[in-house]
Amino acid sequence: MKNVLIPAFLLLLTLLSCEKKEPFVYEYETSPQYTWGFADFWGSAFSSKYDTNNNMLSLYALTDSLWKDDEGLLHGFGQYLLLNDIFVNDNDTLFPEGVYHVSNSTDAFSIAPGEEYKVDDEKYDDIGARIYFIEQNESYSVRKFIVDGSMTVTRINEYTRFEFDFMLDDETELKGNYVQKDLIYYDESQINQGVASQRASRLLKPMYVFSPEKFKTRP
């Protein structure tokens, strides 16, 4: 009996060792509830750079497990959604209701897709729409570009609701929503007209400090 069990056991070990193991894939939250943030109103400050008369805004939305200290540094973990270069009609100063599409167009209700802005084939900056997944395990913190999809804006009294349905550059989806009472707008429309393009030199608000090199795109 013993002689029979030993070969059977060795065969079982061989089969287990040959079993195909699925590669580990870290799962990020794909439908978050953003709880705080603000918007920048750029107006027509960059109209000459974009060859458009439409106004431009930016939206910043964060989850509640991210917080800033008295020095304005961001702590915690969660998601930080950054939508730069959102175009609206030239008579709009706030987000009008409607569906905004991720597109390279500068037409109203367009959101510039995320990408790396390059000068002379050298990386200069991350621009356009993107998401920072800031994880408890820092090795999984990552920046991903938003390359397609839409954002729906609705307004009920003093509440503004943003519903997201995006596609990321790794072909995964990012949904979620952000509902804010009395959304804060910062008027940046009077900035120096001679500064470089928003796509080349957009700086985060001083209250949020990040090192872009820390967030690398993962497969």
Protein backbone atom coordinates (compact mmCIF):
# COMPACT_ATOMS: atom_id res chain seq x y z
CA MET A 1 0.00 0.00 0.00
CA LYS A 2 2.86 2.31 0.92
CA ASN A 3 4.49 1.74 -2.45
CA VAL A 4 1.27 2.82 -4.19
CA LEU A 5 0.78 6.02 -2.17
CA ILE A 6 4.28 7.41 -2.80
CA PRO A 7 4.01 7.52 -6.63
CA ALA A 8 0.49 8.95 -6.38
CA PHE A 9 1.72 11.69 -4.03
CA LEU A 10 4.61 12.54 -6.34
CA LEU A 11 2.21 12.71 -9.30
CA LEU A 12 -0.05 15.10 -7.38
CA LEU A 13 2.91 17.38 -6.57
CA THR A 14 3.91 17.39 -10.24
CA LEU A 15 0.41 18.39 -11.35
CA LEU A 16 0.23 21.18 -8.77
CA SER A 17 3.59 22.57 -9.83
CA CYS A 18 2.42 22.66 -13.45
CA GLU A 19 -0.80 24.52 -12.61
CA LYS A 20 -0.93 27.88 -14.41
CA LYS A 21 -1.02 30.71 -11.90
CA GLU A 22 -2.78 33.95 -12.77
CA PRO A 23 -0.58 37.06 -12.46
CA PHE A 24 -1.38 39.31 -9.52
CA VAL A 25 -3.31 42.43 -10.54
CA TYR A 26 -3.83 45.20 -7.98
CA GLU A 27 -7.46 46.38 -7.97
CA TYR A 28 -8.16 50.11 -7.68
CA GLU A 29 -11.50 51.58 -6.63
CA THR A 30 -13.40 52.22 -9.86
CA SER A 31 -16.53 53.97 -8.58
CA PRO A 32 -15.53 56.35 -5.77
CA GLN A 33 -17.53 59.01 -4.00
CA TYR A 34 -15.52 62.24 -4.10
CA THR A 35 -16.43 64.41 -1.12
CA TRP A 36 -14.50 67.67 -1.44
CA GLY A 37 -12.71 69.84 -3.97
CA PHE A 38 -12.87 73.10 -5.89
CA ALA A 39 -12.75 74.58 -9.39
CA ASP A 40 -10.56 77.12 -11.19
CA PHE A 41 -12.11 79.55 -13.66
CA TRP A 42 -9.54 80.50 -16.29
CA GLY A 43 -11.88 82.42 -18.57
CA SER A 44 -10.25 83.30 -21.87
CA ALA A 45 -6.76 83.67 -20.36
CA PHE A 46 -5.40 81.05 -22.75
CA SER A 47 -7.59 81.80 -25.77
CA SER A 48 -4.61 82.76 -27.93
CA LYS A 49 -2.91 79.47 -27.11
CA TYR A 50 -5.94 77.36 -27.99
CA ASP A 51 -7.28 79.45 -30.86
CA THR A 52 -10.74 79.55 -29.27
CA ASN A 53 -12.99 82.16 -27.68
CA ASN A 54 -14.47 79.65 -25.26
CA ASN A 55 -13.82 79.90 -21.55
CA MET A 56 -11.90 77.25 -19.65
CA LEU A 57 -12.22 75.70 -16.18
CA SER A 58 -10.45 73.05 -14.13
CA LEU A 59 -12.02 70.70 -11.59
CA TYR A 60 -10.31 69.05 -8.60
CA ALA A 61 -12.13 66.35 -6.61
CA LEU A 62 -10.82 64.23 -3.72
CA THR A 63 -12.11 61.41 -1.55
CA ASP A 64 -12.69 61.92 2.18
CA SER A 65 -9.66 59.88 3.29
CA LEU A 66 -7.39 62.59 1.87
CA TRP A 67 -6.80 65.67 4.00
CA LYS A 68 -4.45 68.63 4.20
CA ASP A 69 -2.53 69.90 7.20
CA ASP A 70 -2.01 73.49 8.38
CA GLU A 71 0.88 73.86 5.94
CA GLY A 72 -1.29 72.81 3.03
CA LEU A 73 0.32 69.40 2.48
CA LEU A 74 -1.87 66.49 1.44
CA HIS A 75 -1.98 63.37 3.62
CA GLY A 76 -3.82 60.09 3.77
CA PHE A 77 -4.87 57.85 0.93
CA GLY A 78 -7.62 57.77 -1.66
CA GLN A 79 -8.25 59.30 -5.06
CA TYR A 80 -7.38 62.72 -6.42
CA LEU A 81 -9.18 63.54 -9.67
CA LEU A 82 -7.73 66.40 -11.70
CA LEU A 83 -9.57 67.61 -14.81
CA ASN A 84 -7.71 70.40 -16.55
CA ASP A 85 -8.76 72.20 -19.73
CA ILE A 86 -12.55 71.91 -19.51
CA PHE A 87 -14.12 74.13 -22.15
CA VAL A 88 -17.45 75.97 -21.82
CA ASN A 89 -19.16 78.67 -23.87
CA ASP A 90 -17.64 82.15 -23.79
CA ASN A 91 -20.57 83.47 -21.72
CA ASP A 92 -20.31 80.76 -19.04
CA THR A 93 -18.39 81.36 -15.82
CA LEU A 94 -19.61 78.29 -13.89
CA PHE A 95 -20.15 74.71 -15.02
CA PRO A 96 -23.34 74.71 -17.12
CA GLU A 97 -25.50 71.60 -16.96
CA GLY A 98 -24.89 69.03 -19.67
CA VAL A 99 -22.65 66.20 -20.82
CA TYR A 100 -18.95 66.93 -21.29
CA HIS A 101 -16.93 64.60 -23.53
CA VAL A 102 -13.22 63.82 -23.32
CA SER A 103 -11.90 65.14 -26.61
CA ASN A 104 -9.03 67.04 -28.21
CA SER A 105 -11.58 69.60 -29.36
CA THR A 106 -11.76 73.05 -27.77
CA ASP A 107 -15.51 73.22 -28.37
CA ALA A 108 -17.80 73.86 -25.42
CA PHE A 109 -18.48 70.79 -23.25
CA SER A 110 -15.08 69.24 -24.03
CA ILE A 111 -12.46 67.93 -21.60
CA ALA A 112 -8.85 67.60 -22.77
CA PRO A 113 -7.60 64.00 -22.45
CA GLY A 114 -4.60 63.35 -20.27
CA GLU A 115 -1.15 62.95 -21.76
CA GLU A 116 2.51 63.67 -21.25
CA TYR A 117 3.46 67.06 -22.69
CA LYS A 118 6.83 66.83 -24.38
CA VAL A 119 9.34 69.46 -25.51
CA ASP A 120 12.10 68.31 -27.87
CA ASP A 121 11.22 64.68 -27.13
CA GLU A 122 11.78 65.19 -23.40
CA LYS A 123 9.04 64.77 -20.82
CA TYR A 124 7.92 68.10 -19.44
CA ASP A 125 4.68 67.61 -17.55
CA ASP A 126 1.50 65.60 -17.11
CA ILE A 127 -1.39 67.56 -18.59
CA GLY A 128 -5.11 67.23 -19.20
CA ALA A 129 -7.44 64.86 -17.32
CA ARG A 130 -5.89 62.37 -14.93
CA ILE A 131 -6.43 60.47 -11.71
CA TYR A 132 -4.03 59.87 -8.83
CA PHE A 133 -4.64 56.65 -6.91
CA ILE A 134 -2.90 57.31 -3.59
CA GLU A 135 -2.77 53.97 -1.83
CA GLN A 136 -1.95 52.95 1.76
CA ASN A 137 0.80 50.78 0.29
CA GLU A 138 2.82 53.46 -1.52
CA SER A 139 4.21 50.96 -4.00
CA TYR A 140 0.73 50.85 -5.58
CA SER A 141 0.22 54.62 -5.78
CA VAL A 142 -0.14 55.52 -9.43
CA ARG A 143 -1.16 58.21 -11.89
CA LYS A 144 -3.35 57.22 -14.82
CA PHE A 145 -4.48 59.38 -17.72
CA ILE A 146 -8.15 59.78 -18.64
CA VAL A 147 -8.36 59.28 -22.41
CA ASP A 148 -12.07 58.86 -23.19
CA GLY A 149 -15.54 59.06 -21.70
CA SER A 150 -17.80 61.74 -20.31
CA MET A 151 -18.80 63.85 -17.31
CA THR A 152 -22.43 64.80 -16.67
CA VAL A 153 -23.16 67.97 -14.69
CA THR A 154 -26.52 68.63 -13.06
CA ARG A 155 -27.53 71.32 -10.60
CA ILE A 156 -30.29 71.33 -7.99
CA ASN A 157 -30.55 74.61 -6.09
CA GLU A 158 -27.13 75.20 -4.48
CA TYR A 159 -25.89 71.64 -5.15
CA THR A 160 -23.74 70.71 -8.15
CA ARG A 161 -23.47 67.04 -9.11
CA PHE A 162 -20.71 65.60 -11.30
CA GLU A 163 -21.23 62.06 -12.63
CA PHE A 164 -18.11 60.47 -14.15
CA ASP A 165 -17.87 57.74 -16.78
CA PHE A 166 -14.25 57.69 -17.96
CA MET A 167 -11.87 55.32 -19.70
CA LEU A 168 -8.26 55.25 -18.49
CA ASP A 169 -5.11 54.73 -20.51
CA ASP A 170 -4.84 51.14 -19.28
CA GLU A 171 -8.32 50.43 -20.75
CA THR A 172 -10.00 50.24 -17.34
CA GLU A 173 -13.07 52.24 -16.36
CA LEU A 174 -13.36 55.02 -13.79
CA LYS A 175 -16.84 56.02 -12.72
CA GLY A 176 -18.00 57.65 -9.47
CA ASN A 177 -19.51 61.01 -8.61
CA TYR A 178 -18.94 64.25 -6.77
CA VAL A 179 -21.78 66.23 -5.17
CA GLN A 180 -20.94 69.60 -3.66
CA LYS A 181 -23.01 72.31 -2.03
CA ASP A 182 -21.83 75.78 -3.07
CA LEU A 183 -18.88 74.56 -5.14
CA ILE A 184 -15.86 76.82 -4.58
CA TYR A 185 -14.55 78.61 -7.68
CA TYR A 186 -11.19 80.42 -7.80
CA ASP A 187 -11.05 83.17 -10.40
CA GLU A 188 -7.77 82.80 -12.28
CA SER A 189 -8.93 84.70 -15.35
CA GLN A 190 -6.71 87.73 -14.71
CA ILE A 191 -3.41 85.87 -14.69
CA ASN A 192 -0.49 87.16 -16.73
CA GLN A 193 -1.45 86.76 -20.37
CA GLY A 194 2.18 86.20 -21.27
CA VAL A 195 2.64 82.98 -19.32
CA ALA A 196 3.13 79.69 -21.09
CA SER A 197 0.23 77.54 -22.17
CA GLN A 198 -1.91 75.79 -19.60
CA ARG A 199 -0.94 72.52 -21.22
CA ALA A 200 2.74 73.24 -20.59
CA SER A 201 2.82 74.88 -17.18
CA ARG A 202 -0.30 74.19 -15.11
CA LEU A 203 0.64 74.20 -11.42
CA LEU A 204 -1.44 72.63 -8.70
CA LYS A 205 -2.92 74.98 -6.13
CA PRO A 206 -0.30 75.66 -3.42
CA MET A 207 -2.39 73.75 -0.87
CA TYR A 208 -1.76 70.48 -2.73
CA VAL A 209 1.84 69.38 -3.04
CA PHE A 210 2.75 66.31 -5.07
CA SER A 211 5.85 64.90 -6.66
CA PRO A 212 4.73 63.81 -10.17
CA GLU A 213 7.70 61.44 -10.39
CA LYS A 214 6.28 59.47 -7.48
CA PHE A 215 3.23 58.40 -9.44
CA LYS A 216 4.26 56.15 -12.30
CA THR A 217 1.90 54.52 -14.74
CA ARG A 218 1.71 50.77 -14.16
CA PRO A 219 0.62 48.16 -16.73
